[in-house]
Amino acid sequence: MWVSADGTSWQQIPPTDALKQARMDVVATNGDQILAFGTDLVDDNAVLWSSSDAVTWELLPQSFGQMRFRDAVMTDSGIVAVAVDLEINAAAFWTSTDGQTWQRVPHDDVLFAIR
């Protein structure tokens, strides 16, 4: 992982235990909080990290299952994340007001089937 304050000078951050054996797929920020959605390469489940400085990361205790997150948007009122649910091969939408507690948005899986 690399971080930069200005987009010109970059610093490599050595992986911590929270980041080893995982892949980050999507990063979103609202300025105060940085969230990184990824995949645990051991069990293939989706994972979520949080950071306030992009240097120290905390693995959050979430249970998303086998998702591949593709995008996330953070606003003043909350976060919306979009993933592919690998078990049913359909899009999945997740929302959170604080980045800690997540709810899957119910929808018609057939309408959002990945073809």
PDB file of N, CA and C in Angstrom:
ATOM      1  N   MET A   1       0.843  -1.150   0.000  1.00  0.00           N
ATOM      2  CA  MET A   1       0.000   0.000   0.000  1.00  0.00           C
ATOM      3  C   MET A   1       0.901   1.229   0.000  1.00  0.00           C
ATOM      4  N   TRP A   2       0.440   2.254  -0.693  1.00  0.00           N
ATOM      5  CA  TRP A   2       1.161   3.516  -0.785  1.00  0.00           C
ATOM      6  C   TRP A   2       0.219   4.649  -0.383  1.00  0.00           C
ATOM      7  N   VAL A   3       0.751   5.684   0.281  1.00  0.00           N
ATOM      8  CA  VAL A   3      -0.047   6.853   0.660  1.00  0.00           C
ATOM      9  C   VAL A   3       0.702   8.116   0.239  1.00  0.00           C
ATOM     10  N   SER A   4      -0.083   9.168  -0.011  1.00  0.00           N
ATOM     11  CA  SER A   4       0.492  10.446  -0.407  1.00  0.00           C
ATOM     12  C   SER A   4      -0.385  11.573   0.109  1.00  0.00           C
ATOM     13  N   ALA A   5       0.242  12.626   0.583  1.00  0.00           N
ATOM     14  CA  ALA A   5      -0.498  13.809   1.027  1.00  0.00           C
ATOM     15  C   ALA A   5      -0.736  14.781  -0.121  1.00  0.00           C
ATOM     16  N   ASP A   6       0.100  14.700  -1.166  1.00  0.00           N
ATOM     17  CA  ASP A   6       0.000  15.666  -2.258  1.00  0.00           C
ATOM     18  C   ASP A   6      -0.154  15.033  -3.644  1.00  0.00           C
ATOM     19  N   GLY A   7      -0.098  13.726  -3.739  1.00  0.00           N
ATOM     20  CA  GLY A   7      -0.220  13.050  -5.024  1.00  0.00           C
ATOM     21  C   GLY A   7       1.082  13.017  -5.814  1.00  0.00           C
ATOM     22  N   THR A   8       2.130  13.628  -5.289  1.00  0.00           N
ATOM     23  CA  THR A   8       3.428  13.652  -5.953  1.00  0.00           C
ATOM     24  C   THR A   8       4.442  12.794  -5.225  1.00  0.00           C
ATOM     25  N   SER A   9       4.540  12.979  -3.922  1.00  0.00           N
ATOM     26  CA  SER A   9       5.452  12.184  -3.096  1.00  0.00           C
ATOM     27  C   SER A   9       4.669  11.059  -2.439  1.00  0.00           C
ATOM     28  N   TRP A  10       5.181   9.836  -2.551  1.00  0.00           N
ATOM     29  CA  TRP A  10       4.480   8.671  -2.041  1.00  0.00           C
ATOM     30  C   TRP A  10       5.328   7.935  -1.025  1.00  0.00           C
ATOM     31  N   GLN A  11       4.661   7.353  -0.035  1.00  0.00           N
ATOM     32  CA  GLN A  11       5.328   6.564   1.000  1.00  0.00           C
ATOM     33  C   GLN A  11       4.708   5.174   1.021  1.00  0.00           C
ATOM     34  N   GLN A  12       5.553   4.146   0.972  1.00  0.00           N
ATOM     35  CA  GLN A  12       5.041   2.789   1.052  1.00  0.00           C
ATOM     36  C   GLN A  12       4.819   2.418   2.516  1.00  0.00           C
ATOM     37  N   ILE A  13       3.636   1.857   2.794  1.00  0.00           N
ATOM     38  CA  ILE A  13       3.275   1.427   4.135  1.00  0.00           C
ATOM     39  C   ILE A  13       3.440  -0.089   4.192  1.00  0.00           C
ATOM     40  N   PRO A  14       4.314  -0.579   5.082  1.00  0.00           N
ATOM     41  CA  PRO A  14       4.459  -2.033   5.178  1.00  0.00           C
ATOM     42  C   PRO A  14       3.164  -2.677   5.654  1.00  0.00           C
ATOM     43  N   PRO A  15       2.824  -3.846   5.120  1.00  0.00           N
ATOM     44  CA  PRO A  15       1.571  -4.491   5.532  1.00  0.00           C
ATOM     45  C   PRO A  15       1.599  -4.905   7.000  1.00  0.00           C
ATOM     46  N   THR A  16       0.493  -4.655   7.678  1.00  0.00           N
ATOM     47  CA  THR A  16       0.335  -5.092   9.060  1.00  0.00           C
ATOM     48  C   THR A  16      -0.392  -6.427   9.056  1.00  0.00           C
ATOM     49  N   ASP A  17      -0.557  -7.024  10.233  1.00  0.00           N
ATOM     50  CA  ASP A  17      -1.296  -8.283  10.317  1.00  0.00           C
ATOM     51  C   ASP A  17      -2.713  -8.130   9.790  1.00  0.00           C
ATOM     52  N   ALA A  18      -3.302  -6.952   9.968  1.00  0.00           N
ATOM     53  CA  ALA A  18      -4.672  -6.733   9.510  1.00  0.00           C
ATOM     54  C   ALA A  18      -4.769  -6.730   7.987  1.00  0.00           C
ATOM     55  N   LEU A  19      -3.644  -6.484   7.306  1.00  0.00           N
ATOM     56  CA  LEU A  19      -3.676  -6.387   5.840  1.00  0.00           C
ATOM     57  C   LEU A  19      -3.031  -7.567   5.130  1.00  0.00           C
ATOM     58  N   LYS A  20      -2.354  -8.421   5.864  1.00  0.00           N
ATOM     59  CA  LYS A  20      -1.704  -9.571   5.234  1.00  0.00           C
ATOM     60  C   LYS A  20      -2.752 -10.574   4.772  1.00  0.00           C
ATOM     61  N   GLN A  21      -2.433 -11.289   3.722  1.00  0.00           N
ATOM     62  CA  GLN A  21      -3.312 -12.333   3.181  1.00  0.00           C
ATOM     63  C   GLN A  21      -4.659 -11.773   2.747  1.00  0.00           C
ATOM     64  N   ALA A  22      -4.639 -10.535   2.230  1.00  0.00           N
ATOM     65  CA  ALA A  22      -5.882  -9.917   1.783  1.00  0.00           C
ATOM     66  C   ALA A  22      -5.596  -9.010   0.597  1.00  0.00           C
ATOM     67  N   ARG A  23      -6.644  -8.686  -0.111  1.00  0.00           N
ATOM     68  CA  ARG A  23      -6.556  -7.785  -1.259  1.00  0.00           C
ATOM     69  C   ARG A  23      -7.554  -6.656  -1.055  1.00  0.00           C
ATOM     70  N   MET A  24      -7.115  -5.430  -1.222  1.00  0.00           N
ATOM     71  CA  MET A  24      -8.023  -4.280  -1.170  1.00  0.00           C
ATOM     72  C   MET A  24      -8.577  -4.045  -2.564  1.00  0.00           C
ATOM     73  N   ASP A  25      -9.890  -3.846  -2.644  1.00  0.00           N
ATOM     74  CA  ASP A  25     -10.540  -3.654  -3.941  1.00  0.00           C
ATOM     75  C   ASP A  25     -11.089  -2.248  -4.134  1.00  0.00           C
ATOM     76  N   VAL A  26     -11.637  -1.652  -3.075  1.00  0.00           N
ATOM     77  CA  VAL A  26     -12.300  -0.353  -3.171  1.00  0.00           C
ATOM     78  C   VAL A  26     -11.942   0.467  -1.943  1.00  0.00           C
ATOM     79  N   VAL A  27     -11.609   1.723  -2.154  1.00  0.00           N
ATOM     80  CA  VAL A  27     -11.336   2.636  -1.048  1.00  0.00           C
ATOM     81  C   VAL A  27     -12.239   3.851  -1.189  1.00  0.00           C
ATOM     82  N   ALA A  28     -12.835   4.266  -0.065  1.00  0.00           N
ATOM     83  CA  ALA A  28     -13.703   5.450  -0.050  1.00  0.00           C
ATOM     84  C   ALA A  28     -13.384   6.273   1.192  1.00  0.00           C
ATOM     85  N   THR A  29     -13.520   7.591   1.070  1.00  0.00           N
ATOM     86  CA  THR A  29     -13.259   8.455   2.213  1.00  0.00           C
ATOM     87  C   THR A  29     -14.217   9.638   2.233  1.00  0.00           C
ATOM     88  N   ASN A  30     -14.451  10.134   3.441  1.00  0.00           N
ATOM     89  CA  ASN A  30     -15.219  11.366   3.588  1.00  0.00           C
ATOM     90  C   ASN A  30     -14.338  12.453   4.215  1.00  0.00           C
ATOM     91  N   GLY A  31     -13.043  12.225   4.260  1.00  0.00           N
ATOM     92  CA  GLY A  31     -12.106  13.174   4.842  1.00  0.00           C
ATOM     93  C   GLY A  31     -11.688  12.807   6.242  1.00  0.00           C
ATOM     94  N   ASP A  32     -12.626  12.329   7.068  1.00  0.00           N
ATOM     95  CA  ASP A  32     -12.314  11.937   8.442  1.00  0.00           C
ATOM     96  C   ASP A  32     -12.051  10.441   8.576  1.00  0.00           C
ATOM     97  N   GLN A  33     -12.704   9.669   7.759  1.00  0.00           N
ATOM     98  CA  GLN A  33     -12.618   8.212   7.839  1.00  0.00           C
ATOM     99  C   GLN A  33     -12.315   7.656   6.463  1.00  0.00           C
ATOM    100  N   ILE A  34     -11.448   6.655   6.431  1.00  0.00           N
ATOM    101  CA  ILE A  34     -11.129   5.954   5.189  1.00  0.00           C
ATOM    102  C   ILE A  34     -11.580   4.512   5.372  1.00  0.00           C
ATOM    103  N   LEU A  35     -12.341   4.020   4.423  1.00  0.00           N
ATOM    104  CA  LEU A  35     -12.777   2.629   4.433  1.00  0.00           C
ATOM    105  C   LEU A  35     -12.179   1.925   3.226  1.00  0.00           C
ATOM    106  N   ALA A  36     -11.713   0.710   3.436  1.00  0.00           N
ATOM    107  CA  ALA A  36     -11.185  -0.104   2.346  1.00  0.00           C
ATOM    108  C   ALA A  36     -11.900  -1.453   2.362  1.00  0.00           C
ATOM    109  N   PHE A  37     -12.565  -1.759   1.272  1.00  0.00           N
ATOM    110  CA  PHE A  37     -13.260  -3.029   1.107  1.00  0.00           C
ATOM    111  C   PHE A  37     -12.352  -3.959   0.330  1.00  0.00           C
ATOM    112  N   GLY A  38     -12.295  -5.220   0.751  1.00  0.00           N
ATOM    113  CA  GLY A  38     -11.423  -6.157   0.070  1.00  0.00           C
ATOM    114  C   GLY A  38     -11.851  -7.586   0.247  1.00  0.00           C
ATOM    115  N   THR A  39     -10.895  -8.482  -0.004  1.00  0.00           N
ATOM    116  CA  THR A  39     -11.156  -9.918   0.046  1.00  0.00           C
ATOM    117  C   THR A  39     -10.082 -10.602   0.873  1.00  0.00           C
ATOM    118  N   ASP A  40     -10.513 -11.441   1.792  1.00  0.00           N
ATOM    119  CA  ASP A  40      -9.591 -12.284   2.561  1.00  0.00           C
ATOM    120  C   ASP A  40      -9.173 -13.422   1.629  1.00  0.00           C
ATOM    121  N   LEU A  41      -7.891 -13.520   1.335  1.00  0.00           N
ATOM    122  CA  LEU A  41      -7.420 -14.510   0.379  1.00  0.00           C
ATOM    123  C   LEU A  41      -7.374 -15.923   0.943  1.00  0.00           C
ATOM    124  N   VAL A  42      -7.597 -16.072   2.249  1.00  0.00           N
ATOM    125  CA  VAL A  42      -7.616 -17.398   2.866  1.00  0.00           C
ATOM    126  C   VAL A  42      -8.989 -18.043   2.701  1.00  0.00           C
ATOM    127  N   ASP A  43     -10.058 -17.303   3.055  1.00  0.00           N
ATOM    128  CA  ASP A  43     -11.397 -17.902   2.982  1.00  0.00           C
ATOM    129  C   ASP A  43     -12.287 -17.281   1.895  1.00  0.00           C
ATOM    130  N   ASP A  44     -11.759 -16.319   1.146  1.00  0.00           N
ATOM    131  CA  ASP A  44     -12.456 -15.712   0.009  1.00  0.00           C
ATOM    132  C   ASP A  44     -13.667 -14.873   0.403  1.00  0.00           C
ATOM    133  N   ASN A  45     -13.784 -14.493   1.684  1.00  0.00           N
ATOM    134  CA  ASN A  45     -14.888 -13.644   2.125  1.00  0.00           C
ATOM    135  C   ASN A  45     -14.494 -12.174   2.044  1.00  0.00           C
ATOM    136  N   ALA A  46     -15.493 -11.320   1.909  1.00  0.00           N
ATOM    137  CA  ALA A  46     -15.257  -9.881   1.877  1.00  0.00           C
ATOM    138  C   ALA A  46     -14.853  -9.395   3.267  1.00  0.00           C
ATOM    139  N   VAL A  47     -13.957  -8.417   3.298  1.00  0.00           N
ATOM    140  CA  VAL A  47     -13.505  -7.824   4.549  1.00  0.00           C
ATOM    141  C   VAL A  47     -13.514  -6.307   4.409  1.00  0.00           C
ATOM    142  N   LEU A  48     -13.472  -5.630   5.568  1.00  0.00           N
ATOM    143  CA  LEU A  48     -13.531  -4.173   5.592  1.00  0.00           C
ATOM    144  C   LEU A  48     -12.538  -3.649   6.616  1.00  0.00           C
ATOM    145  N   TRP A  49     -11.740  -2.662   6.213  1.00  0.00           N
ATOM    146  CA  TRP A  49     -10.799  -2.012   7.104  1.00  0.00           C
ATOM    147  C   TRP A  49     -11.198  -0.548   7.262  1.00  0.00           C
ATOM    148  N   SER A  50     -10.783   0.039   8.378  1.00  0.00           N
ATOM    149  CA  SER A  50     -11.022   1.454   8.641  1.00  0.00           C
ATOM    150  C   SER A  50      -9.710   2.108   9.059  1.00  0.00           C
ATOM    151  N   SER A  51      -9.542   3.376   8.670  1.00  0.00           N
ATOM    152  CA  SER A  51      -8.351   4.128   9.040  1.00  0.00           C
ATOM    153  C   SER A  51      -8.698   5.607   9.118  1.00  0.00           C
ATOM    154  N   SER A  52      -7.985   6.320   9.950  1.00  0.00           N
ATOM    155  CA  SER A  52      -8.154   7.776  10.006  1.00  0.00           C
ATOM    156  C   SER A  52      -6.983   8.486   9.342  1.00  0.00           C
ATOM    157  N   ASP A  53      -5.898   7.736   9.036  1.00  0.00           N
ATOM    158  CA  ASP A  53      -4.709   8.372   8.471  1.00  0.00           C
ATOM    159  C   ASP A  53      -4.105   7.632   7.271  1.00  0.00           C
ATOM    160  N   ALA A  54      -4.680   6.542   6.846  1.00  0.00           N
ATOM    161  CA  ALA A  54      -4.206   5.706   5.730  1.00  0.00           C
ATOM    162  C   ALA A  54      -2.888   5.003   6.044  1.00  0.00           C
ATOM    163  N   VAL A  55      -2.427   5.092   7.284  1.00  0.00           N
ATOM    164  CA  VAL A  55      -1.198   4.417   7.683  1.00  0.00           C
ATOM    165  C   VAL A  55      -1.519   3.254   8.611  1.00  0.00           C
ATOM    166  N   THR A  56      -2.338   3.501   9.625  1.00  0.00           N
ATOM    167  CA  THR A  56      -2.768   2.434  10.528  1.00  0.00           C
ATOM    168  C   THR A  56      -4.181   2.014  10.155  1.00  0.00           C
ATOM    169  N   TRP A  57      -4.377   0.707  10.078  1.00  0.00           N
ATOM    170  CA  TRP A  57      -5.659   0.156   9.636  1.00  0.00           C
ATOM    171  C   TRP A  57      -6.193  -0.811  10.676  1.00  0.00           C
ATOM    172  N   GLU A  58      -7.509  -0.802  10.822  1.00  0.00           N
ATOM    173  CA  GLU A  58      -8.196  -1.727  11.721  1.00  0.00           C
ATOM    174  C   GLU A  58      -9.137  -2.595  10.900  1.00  0.00           C
ATOM    175  N   LEU A  59      -9.017  -3.908  11.052  1.00  0.00           N
ATOM    176  CA  LEU A  59      -9.940  -4.825  10.399  1.00  0.00           C
ATOM    177  C   LEU A  59     -11.233  -4.820  11.182  1.00  0.00           C
ATOM    178  N   LEU A  60     -12.331  -4.461  10.539  1.00  0.00           N
ATOM    179  CA  LEU A  60     -13.619  -4.369  11.222  1.00  0.00           C
ATOM    180  C   LEU A  60     -14.315  -5.728  11.216  1.00  0.00           C
ATOM    181  N   PRO A  61     -15.004  -6.058  12.303  1.00  0.00           N
ATOM    182  CA  PRO A  61     -15.676  -7.367  12.397  1.00  0.00           C
ATOM    183  C   PRO A  61     -17.004  -7.372  11.638  1.00  0.00           C
ATOM    184  N   GLN A  62     -16.929  -7.570  10.349  1.00  0.00           N
ATOM    185  CA  GLN A  62     -18.121  -7.602   9.511  1.00  0.00           C
ATOM    186  C   GLN A  62     -18.327  -9.010   8.974  1.00  0.00           C
ATOM    187  N   SER A  63     -19.547  -9.291   8.569  1.00  0.00           N
ATOM    188  CA  SER A  63     -19.848 -10.580   7.970  1.00  0.00           C
ATOM    189  C   SER A  63     -20.599 -10.339   6.662  1.00  0.00           C
ATOM    190  N   PHE A  64     -19.844 -10.036   5.616  1.00  0.00           N
ATOM    191  CA  PHE A  64     -20.454  -9.785   4.305  1.00  0.00           C
ATOM    192  C   PHE A  64     -20.622 -11.063   3.502  1.00  0.00           C
ATOM    193  N   GLY A  65     -19.875 -12.090   3.827  1.00  0.00           N
ATOM    194  CA  GLY A  65     -19.920 -13.317   3.043  1.00  0.00           C
ATOM    195  C   GLY A  65     -19.067 -13.180   1.793  1.00  0.00           C
ATOM    196  N   GLN A  66     -19.404 -13.954   0.789  1.00  0.00           N
ATOM    197  CA  GLN A  66     -18.606 -13.948  -0.429  1.00  0.00           C
ATOM    198  C   GLN A  66     -19.084 -12.871  -1.389  1.00  0.00           C
ATOM    199  N   MET A  67     -18.584 -11.675  -1.153  1.00  0.00           N
ATOM    200  CA  MET A  67     -18.886 -10.495  -1.965  1.00  0.00           C
ATOM    201  C   MET A  67     -17.602 -10.019  -2.617  1.00  0.00           C
ATOM    202  N   ARG A  68     -17.737  -9.343  -3.731  1.00  0.00           N
ATOM    203  CA  ARG A  68     -16.631  -8.605  -4.338  1.00  0.00           C
ATOM    204  C   ARG A  68     -17.107  -7.165  -4.460  1.00  0.00           C
ATOM    205  N   PHE A  69     -16.598  -6.315  -3.596  1.00  0.00           N
ATOM    206  CA  PHE A  69     -17.010  -4.913  -3.635  1.00  0.00           C
ATOM    207  C   PHE A  69     -16.414  -4.229  -4.853  1.00  0.00           C
ATOM    208  N   ARG A  70     -17.241  -3.432  -5.510  1.00  0.00           N
ATOM    209  CA  ARG A  70     -16.850  -2.776  -6.752  1.00  0.00           C
ATOM    210  C   ARG A  70     -16.790  -1.255  -6.635  1.00  0.00           C
ATOM    211  N   ASP A  71     -17.564  -0.669  -5.705  1.00  0.00           N
ATOM    212  CA  ASP A  71     -17.549   0.783  -5.544  1.00  0.00           C
ATOM    213  C   ASP A  71     -18.189   1.139  -4.216  1.00  0.00           C
ATOM    214  N   ALA A  72     -17.835   2.300  -3.706  1.00  0.00           N
ATOM    215  CA  ALA A  72     -18.427   2.809  -2.470  1.00  0.00           C
ATOM    216  C   ALA A  72     -18.391   4.327  -2.512  1.00  0.00           C
ATOM    217  N   VAL A  73     -19.436   4.928  -1.976  1.00  0.00           N
ATOM    218  CA  VAL A  73     -19.549   6.385  -1.926  1.00  0.00           C
ATOM    219  C   VAL A  73     -19.857   6.783  -0.497  1.00  0.00           C
ATOM    220  N   MET A  74     -19.082   7.741   0.034  1.00  0.00           N
ATOM    221  CA  MET A  74     -19.318   8.251   1.380  1.00  0.00           C
ATOM    222  C   MET A  74     -19.849   9.675   1.278  1.00  0.00           C
ATOM    223  N   THR A  75     -20.930   9.934   2.014  1.00  0.00           N
ATOM    224  CA  THR A  75     -21.513  11.269   2.068  1.00  0.00           C
ATOM    225  C   THR A  75     -21.673  11.662   3.529  1.00  0.00           C
ATOM    226  N   ASP A  76     -22.160  12.850   3.776  1.00  0.00           N
ATOM    227  CA  ASP A  76     -22.399  13.284   5.154  1.00  0.00           C
ATOM    228  C   ASP A  76     -23.465  12.441   5.849  1.00  0.00           C
ATOM    229  N   SER A  77     -24.379  11.851   5.080  1.00  0.00           N
ATOM    230  CA  SER A  77     -25.463  11.074   5.685  1.00  0.00           C
ATOM    231  C   SER A  77     -25.187   9.577   5.744  1.00  0.00           C
ATOM    232  N   GLY A  78     -24.107   9.112   5.128  1.00  0.00           N
ATOM    233  CA  GLY A  78     -23.809   7.689   5.201  1.00  0.00           C
ATOM    234  C   GLY A  78     -23.000   7.191   4.031  1.00  0.00           C
ATOM    235  N   ILE A  79     -22.955   5.874   3.933  1.00  0.00           N
ATOM    236  CA  ILE A  79     -22.133   5.208   2.924  1.00  0.00           C
ATOM    237  C   ILE A  79     -22.996   4.213   2.161  1.00  0.00           C
ATOM    238  N   VAL A  80     -22.790   4.139   0.862  1.00  0.00           N
ATOM    239  CA  VAL A  80     -23.418   3.129   0.027  1.00  0.00           C
ATOM    240  C   VAL A  80     -22.299   2.367  -0.667  1.00  0.00           C
ATOM    241  N   ALA A  81     -22.327   1.044  -0.570  1.00  0.00           N
ATOM    242  CA  ALA A  81     -21.331   0.202  -1.224  1.00  0.00           C
ATOM    243  C   ALA A  81     -22.048  -0.783  -2.147  1.00  0.00           C
ATOM    244  N   VAL A  82     -21.438  -1.031  -3.297  1.00  0.00           N
ATOM    245  CA  VAL A  82     -21.997  -1.945  -4.292  1.00  0.00           C
ATOM    246  C   VAL A  82     -21.037  -3.120  -4.449  1.00  0.00           C
ATOM    247  N   ALA A  83     -21.594  -4.313  -4.464  1.00  0.00           N
ATOM    248  CA  ALA A  83     -20.773  -5.520  -4.574  1.00  0.00           C
ATOM    249  C   ALA A  83     -21.452  -6.516  -5.500  1.00  0.00           C
ATOM    250  N   VAL A  84     -20.700  -7.546  -5.850  1.00  0.00           N
ATOM    251  CA  VAL A  84     -21.254  -8.709  -6.532  1.00  0.00           C
ATOM    252  C   VAL A  84     -21.355  -9.809  -5.482  1.00  0.00           C
ATOM    253  N   ASP A  85     -22.553 -10.347  -5.298  1.00  0.00           N
ATOM    254  CA  ASP A  85     -22.761 -11.478  -4.401  1.00  0.00           C
ATOM    255  C   ASP A  85     -22.411 -12.735  -5.197  1.00  0.00           C
ATOM    256  N   LEU A  86     -21.302 -13.365  -4.880  1.00  0.00           N
ATOM    257  CA  LEU A  86     -20.828 -14.508  -5.657  1.00  0.00           C
ATOM    258  C   LEU A  86     -21.699 -15.749  -5.495  1.00  0.00           C
ATOM    259  N   GLU A  87     -22.433 -15.833  -4.393  1.00  0.00           N
ATOM    260  CA  GLU A  87     -23.275 -17.014  -4.167  1.00  0.00           C
ATOM    261  C   GLU A  87     -24.480 -17.045  -5.096  1.00  0.00           C
ATOM    262  N   ILE A  88     -24.998 -15.871  -5.459  1.00  0.00           N
ATOM    263  CA  ILE A  88     -26.177 -15.827  -6.333  1.00  0.00           C
ATOM    264  C   ILE A  88     -25.902 -15.100  -7.642  1.00  0.00           C
ATOM    265  N   ASN A  89     -24.649 -14.654  -7.831  1.00  0.00           N
ATOM    266  CA  ASN A  89     -24.244 -13.973  -9.055  1.00  0.00           C
ATOM    267  C   ASN A  89     -25.145 -12.777  -9.371  1.00  0.00           C
ATOM    268  N   ALA A  90     -25.317 -11.926  -8.368  1.00  0.00           N
ATOM    269  CA  ALA A  90     -26.154 -10.734  -8.537  1.00  0.00           C
ATOM    270  C   ALA A  90     -25.537  -9.567  -7.782  1.00  0.00           C
ATOM    271  N   ALA A  91     -25.925  -8.378  -8.161  1.00  0.00           N
ATOM    272  CA  ALA A  91     -25.451  -7.188  -7.463  1.00  0.00           C
ATOM    273  C   ALA A  91     -26.027  -7.144  -6.053  1.00  0.00           C
ATOM    274  N   ALA A  92     -25.257  -6.578  -5.135  1.00  0.00           N
ATOM    275  CA  ALA A  92     -25.701  -6.407  -3.752  1.00  0.00           C
ATOM    276  C   ALA A  92     -25.361  -4.982  -3.329  1.00  0.00           C
ATOM    277  N   PHE A  93     -26.273  -4.358  -2.621  1.00  0.00           N
ATOM    278  CA  PHE A  93     -26.094  -2.997  -2.153  1.00  0.00           C
ATOM    279  C   PHE A  93     -26.081  -2.999  -0.629  1.00  0.00           C
ATOM    280  N   TRP A  94     -25.128  -2.304  -0.049  1.00  0.00           N
ATOM    281  CA  TRP A  94     -24.972  -2.227   1.396  1.00  0.00           C
ATOM    282  C   TRP A  94     -24.956  -0.759   1.810  1.00  0.00           C
ATOM    283  N   THR A  95     -25.564  -0.449   2.972  1.00  0.00           N
ATOM    284  CA  THR A  95     -25.548   0.914   3.480  1.00  0.00           C
ATOM    285  C   THR A  95     -25.096   0.929   4.933  1.00  0.00           C
ATOM    286  N   SER A  96     -24.536   2.069   5.332  1.00  0.00           N
ATOM    287  CA  SER A  96     -24.107   2.269   6.707  1.00  0.00           C
ATOM    288  C   SER A  96     -24.144   3.762   7.007  1.00  0.00           C
ATOM    289  N   THR A  97     -24.485   4.102   8.229  1.00  0.00           N
ATOM    290  CA  THR A  97     -24.438   5.506   8.634  1.00  0.00           C
ATOM    291  C   THR A  97     -23.119   5.858   9.288  1.00  0.00           C
ATOM    292  N   ASP A  98     -22.378   4.848   9.760  1.00  0.00           N
ATOM    293  CA  ASP A  98     -21.150   5.116  10.512  1.00  0.00           C
ATOM    294  C   ASP A  98     -19.919   4.338  10.031  1.00  0.00           C
ATOM    295  N   GLY A  99     -20.067   3.464   9.057  1.00  0.00           N
ATOM    296  CA  GLY A  99     -18.953   2.654   8.587  1.00  0.00           C
ATOM    297  C   GLY A  99     -18.692   1.425   9.434  1.00  0.00           C
ATOM    298  N   GLN A 100     -19.393   1.288  10.533  1.00  0.00           N
ATOM    299  CA  GLN A 100     -19.199   0.158  11.444  1.00  0.00           C
ATOM    300  C   GLN A 100     -20.306  -0.882  11.316  1.00  0.00           C
ATOM    301  N   THR A 101     -21.527  -0.420  11.234  1.00  0.00           N
ATOM    302  CA  THR A 101     -22.694  -1.295  11.149  1.00  0.00           C
ATOM    303  C   THR A 101     -23.278  -1.201   9.741  1.00  0.00           C
ATOM    304  N   TRP A 102     -23.468  -2.364   9.120  1.00  0.00           N
ATOM    305  CA  TRP A 102     -23.916  -2.406   7.720  1.00  0.00           C
ATOM    306  C   TRP A 102     -25.214  -3.176   7.576  1.00  0.00           C
ATOM    307  N   GLN A 103     -26.047  -2.729   6.639  1.00  0.00           N
ATOM    308  CA  GLN A 103     -27.289  -3.415   6.301  1.00  0.00           C
ATOM    309  C   GLN A 103     -27.321  -3.637   4.794  1.00  0.00           C
ATOM    310  N   ARG A 104     -27.682  -4.855   4.436  1.00  0.00           N
ATOM    311  CA  ARG A 104     -27.857  -5.133   3.010  1.00  0.00           C
ATOM    312  C   ARG A 104     -29.225  -4.619   2.586  1.00  0.00           C
ATOM    313  N   VAL A 105     -29.263  -3.938   1.457  1.00  0.00           N
ATOM    314  CA  VAL A 105     -30.519  -3.389   0.937  1.00  0.00           C
ATOM    315  C   VAL A 105     -31.255  -4.502   0.210  1.00  0.00           C
ATOM    316  N   PRO A 106     -32.484  -4.815   0.643  1.00  0.00           N
ATOM    317  CA  PRO A 106     -33.233  -5.873  -0.054  1.00  0.00           C
ATOM    318  C   PRO A 106     -33.658  -5.408  -1.452  1.00  0.00           C
ATOM    319  N   HIS A 107     -33.543  -6.309  -2.411  1.00  0.00           N
ATOM    320  CA  HIS A 107     -33.995  -6.015  -3.773  1.00  0.00           C
ATOM    321  C   HIS A 107     -34.234  -7.328  -4.502  1.00  0.00           C
ATOM    322  N   ASP A 108     -34.815  -7.222  -5.662  1.00  0.00           N
ATOM    323  CA  ASP A 108     -35.098  -8.387  -6.488  1.00  0.00           C
ATOM    324  C   ASP A 108     -33.793  -8.861  -7.127  1.00  0.00           C
ATOM    325  N   ASP A 109     -33.276 -10.008  -6.694  1.00  0.00           N
ATOM    326  CA  ASP A 109     -32.005 -10.513  -7.203  1.00  0.00           C
ATOM    327  C   ASP A 109     -32.037 -10.775  -8.704  1.00  0.00           C
ATOM    328  N   VAL A 110     -33.190 -11.152  -9.240  1.00  0.00           N
ATOM    329  CA  VAL A 110     -33.300 -11.431 -10.666  1.00  0.00           C
ATOM    330  C   VAL A 110     -33.066 -10.151 -11.463  1.00  0.00           C
ATOM    331  N   LEU A 111     -33.559  -9.030 -10.946  1.00  0.00           N
ATOM    332  CA  LEU A 111     -33.400  -7.757 -11.648  1.00  0.00           C
ATOM    333  C   LEU A 111     -31.931  -7.367 -11.779  1.00  0.00           C
ATOM    334  N   PHE A 112     -31.124  -7.714 -10.771  1.00  0.00           N
ATOM    335  CA  PHE A 112     -29.731  -7.330 -10.766  1.00  0.00           C
ATOM    336  C   PHE A 112     -28.780  -8.505 -11.039  1.00  0.00           C
ATOM    337  N   ALA A 113     -29.263  -9.540 -11.711  1.00  0.00           N
ATOM    338  CA  ALA A 113     -28.411 -10.698 -12.018  1.00  0.00           C
ATOM    339  C   ALA A 113     -27.264 -10.271 -12.923  1.00  0.00           C
ATOM    340  N   ILE A 114     -26.079 -10.807 -12.648  1.00  0.00           N
ATOM    341  CA  ILE A 114     -24.898 -10.527 -13.468  1.00  0.00           C
ATOM    342  C   ILE A 114     -24.879 -11.539 -14.596  1.00  0.00           C
ATOM    343  N   ARG A 115     -24.807 -11.070 -15.794  1.00  0.00           N
ATOM    344  CA  ARG A 115     -24.822 -11.974 -16.954  1.00  0.00           C
ATOM    345  C   ARG A 115     -23.497 -11.931 -17.680  1.00  0.00           C
TER     346      ARG A 115
END
